[in-house]
Amino acid sequence: MRIHCPHCGLRDHGEFGYLGDAGVRRPEHGDTDVAAWNEYVFQRTNPRGTHLEHWQHSAGCRAILRVERDTLSHKVLSVALEGGLG
């Protein structure tokens, strides 16, 4: 699989570290709802098809990217810098 880094260009996925599901939302700071934290930390789906993920270009510019990827074919559909900067 190859990922196009907005700064460094097309690179092998081995240069990147997977950071997780980009759709998971962290509970607010100070939230004491144990069920909400349990859901955030432990409950994950294993989707088939298009999925948004966070990846970091750890062997390059260190940018954090939002990658849209097909989990069946591993085809990368889109890449953007996290935070909407790219």
C-alpha atoms as a PDB file:
ATOM      1  CA  MET A   1       0.000   0.000   0.000  1.00  0.00           C
ATOM      2  CA  ARG A   2       1.245   3.494  -0.825  1.00  0.00           C
ATOM      3  CA  ILE A   3       0.134   6.720   0.845  1.00  0.00           C
ATOM      4  CA  HIS A   4       0.528  10.164  -0.704  1.00  0.00           C
ATOM      5  CA  CYS A   5       1.917  12.511   1.957  1.00  0.00           C
ATOM      6  CA  PRO A   6       0.970  16.136   1.126  1.00  0.00           C
ATOM      7  CA  HIS A   7       4.522  17.219   2.092  1.00  0.00           C
ATOM      8  CA  CYS A   8       6.721  14.335   0.914  1.00  0.00           C
ATOM      9  CA  GLY A   9       4.817  12.757  -1.975  1.00  0.00           C
ATOM     10  CA  LEU A  10       3.937   9.115  -2.600  1.00  0.00           C
ATOM     11  CA  ARG A  11       5.516   6.789  -0.011  1.00  0.00           C
ATOM     12  CA  ASP A  12       5.315   3.134   1.057  1.00  0.00           C
ATOM     13  CA  HIS A  13       3.001   2.509   4.024  1.00  0.00           C
ATOM     14  CA  GLY A  14       6.016   1.254   6.015  1.00  0.00           C
ATOM     15  CA  GLU A  15       7.019   4.907   6.533  1.00  0.00           C
ATOM     16  CA  PHE A  16       3.742   5.547   8.366  1.00  0.00           C
ATOM     17  CA  GLY A  17       2.340   4.533  11.731  1.00  0.00           C
ATOM     18  CA  TYR A  18      -1.354   3.694  12.088  1.00  0.00           C
ATOM     19  CA  LEU A  19      -2.958   5.849  14.796  1.00  0.00           C
ATOM     20  CA  GLY A  20      -6.498   4.506  14.672  1.00  0.00           C
ATOM     21  CA  ASP A  21     -10.034   5.206  13.606  1.00  0.00           C
ATOM     22  CA  ALA A  22     -10.534   8.874  12.646  1.00  0.00           C
ATOM     23  CA  GLY A  23     -14.235   8.667  13.439  1.00  0.00           C
ATOM     24  CA  VAL A  24     -13.891   7.936  17.161  1.00  0.00           C
ATOM     25  CA  ARG A  25     -14.576  10.963  19.363  1.00  0.00           C
ATOM     26  CA  ARG A  26     -12.896  11.343  22.742  1.00  0.00           C
ATOM     27  CA  PRO A  27     -15.129  12.222  25.719  1.00  0.00           C
ATOM     28  CA  GLU A  28     -14.759  15.792  26.975  1.00  0.00           C
ATOM     29  CA  HIS A  29     -11.954  16.544  29.438  1.00  0.00           C
ATOM     30  CA  GLY A  30     -13.278  15.982  32.945  1.00  0.00           C
ATOM     31  CA  ASP A  31     -16.109  13.675  31.836  1.00  0.00           C
ATOM     32  CA  THR A  32     -16.562  11.049  34.564  1.00  0.00           C
ATOM     33  CA  ASP A  33     -18.985   8.807  32.644  1.00  0.00           C
ATOM     34  CA  VAL A  34     -17.299   5.388  32.889  1.00  0.00           C
ATOM     35  CA  ALA A  35     -19.467   3.957  30.093  1.00  0.00           C
ATOM     36  CA  ALA A  36     -18.404   6.768  27.716  1.00  0.00           C
ATOM     37  CA  TRP A  37     -14.719   6.176  28.461  1.00  0.00           C
ATOM     38  CA  ASN A  38     -15.133   2.404  28.111  1.00  0.00           C
ATOM     39  CA  GLU A  39     -16.743   2.946  24.703  1.00  0.00           C
ATOM     40  CA  TYR A  40     -13.928   5.303  23.639  1.00  0.00           C
ATOM     41  CA  VAL A  41     -11.040   3.116  24.804  1.00  0.00           C
ATOM     42  CA  PHE A  42     -12.218  -0.436  24.150  1.00  0.00           C
ATOM     43  CA  GLN A  43     -15.125  -0.640  21.721  1.00  0.00           C
ATOM     44  CA  ARG A  44     -14.073  -0.642  18.076  1.00  0.00           C
ATOM     45  CA  THR A  45     -15.717  -1.867  14.917  1.00  0.00           C
ATOM     46  CA  ASN A  46     -13.931  -3.766  12.175  1.00  0.00           C
ATOM     47  CA  PRO A  47     -15.482  -2.160   9.096  1.00  0.00           C
ATOM     48  CA  ARG A  48     -15.563  -3.578   5.592  1.00  0.00           C
ATOM     49  CA  GLY A  49     -15.185  -1.011   2.847  1.00  0.00           C
ATOM     50  CA  THR A  50     -14.462   2.707   3.074  1.00  0.00           C
ATOM     51  CA  HIS A  51     -13.034   3.848   6.410  1.00  0.00           C
ATOM     52  CA  LEU A  52     -11.410   7.053   7.772  1.00  0.00           C
ATOM     53  CA  GLU A  53      -8.150   6.512   9.647  1.00  0.00           C
ATOM     54  CA  HIS A  54      -5.359   8.549  11.225  1.00  0.00           C
ATOM     55  CA  TRP A  55      -1.804   7.805  10.082  1.00  0.00           C
ATOM     56  CA  GLN A  56       1.456   9.550  11.023  1.00  0.00           C
ATOM     57  CA  HIS A  57       4.336   9.910   8.580  1.00  0.00           C
ATOM     58  CA  SER A  58       6.723   8.724  11.283  1.00  0.00           C
ATOM     59  CA  ALA A  59       9.697   8.078   8.964  1.00  0.00           C
ATOM     60  CA  GLY A  60       9.246  11.385   7.151  1.00  0.00           C
ATOM     61  CA  CYS A  61       7.808  14.787   7.982  1.00  0.00           C
ATOM     62  CA  ARG A  62       5.911  13.467  11.072  1.00  0.00           C
ATOM     63  CA  ALA A  63       2.620  14.925   9.813  1.00  0.00           C
ATOM     64  CA  ILE A  64      -0.622  13.381  11.023  1.00  0.00           C
ATOM     65  CA  LEU A  65      -2.887  12.492   8.122  1.00  0.00           C
ATOM     66  CA  ARG A  66      -6.547  11.633   7.720  1.00  0.00           C
ATOM     67  CA  VAL A  67      -6.628   8.755   5.230  1.00  0.00           C
ATOM     68  CA  GLU A  68      -9.757   7.403   3.563  1.00  0.00           C
ATOM     69  CA  ARG A  69      -9.049   3.761   2.713  1.00  0.00           C
ATOM     70  CA  ASP A  70     -10.956   0.737   1.473  1.00  0.00           C
ATOM     71  CA  THR A  71     -10.305  -1.957   4.080  1.00  0.00           C
ATOM     72  CA  LEU A  72     -10.979  -4.789   1.610  1.00  0.00           C
ATOM     73  CA  SER A  73      -8.648  -3.726  -1.203  1.00  0.00           C
ATOM     74  CA  HIS A  74      -6.352  -1.393   0.846  1.00  0.00           C
ATOM     75  CA  LYS A  75      -6.820   1.214  -1.886  1.00  0.00           C
ATOM     76  CA  VAL A  76      -6.198   4.718  -0.552  1.00  0.00           C
ATOM     77  CA  LEU A  77      -9.038   6.962  -1.726  1.00  0.00           C
ATOM     78  CA  SER A  78      -7.960  10.310  -0.227  1.00  0.00           C
ATOM     79  CA  VAL A  79      -5.371  11.846   2.094  1.00  0.00           C
ATOM     80  CA  ALA A  80      -5.466  15.177   3.943  1.00  0.00           C
ATOM     81  CA  LEU A  81      -3.451  16.761   6.700  1.00  0.00           C
ATOM     82  CA  GLU A  82      -5.323  16.415   9.981  1.00  0.00           C
ATOM     83  CA  GLY A  83      -6.845  19.700  11.058  1.00  0.00           C
ATOM     84  CA  GLY A  84      -7.822  20.674   7.504  1.00  0.00           C
ATOM     85  CA  LEU A  85      -4.442  22.243   6.704  1.00  0.00           C
ATOM     86  CA  GLY A  86      -3.762  20.306   3.524  1.00  0.00           C
END
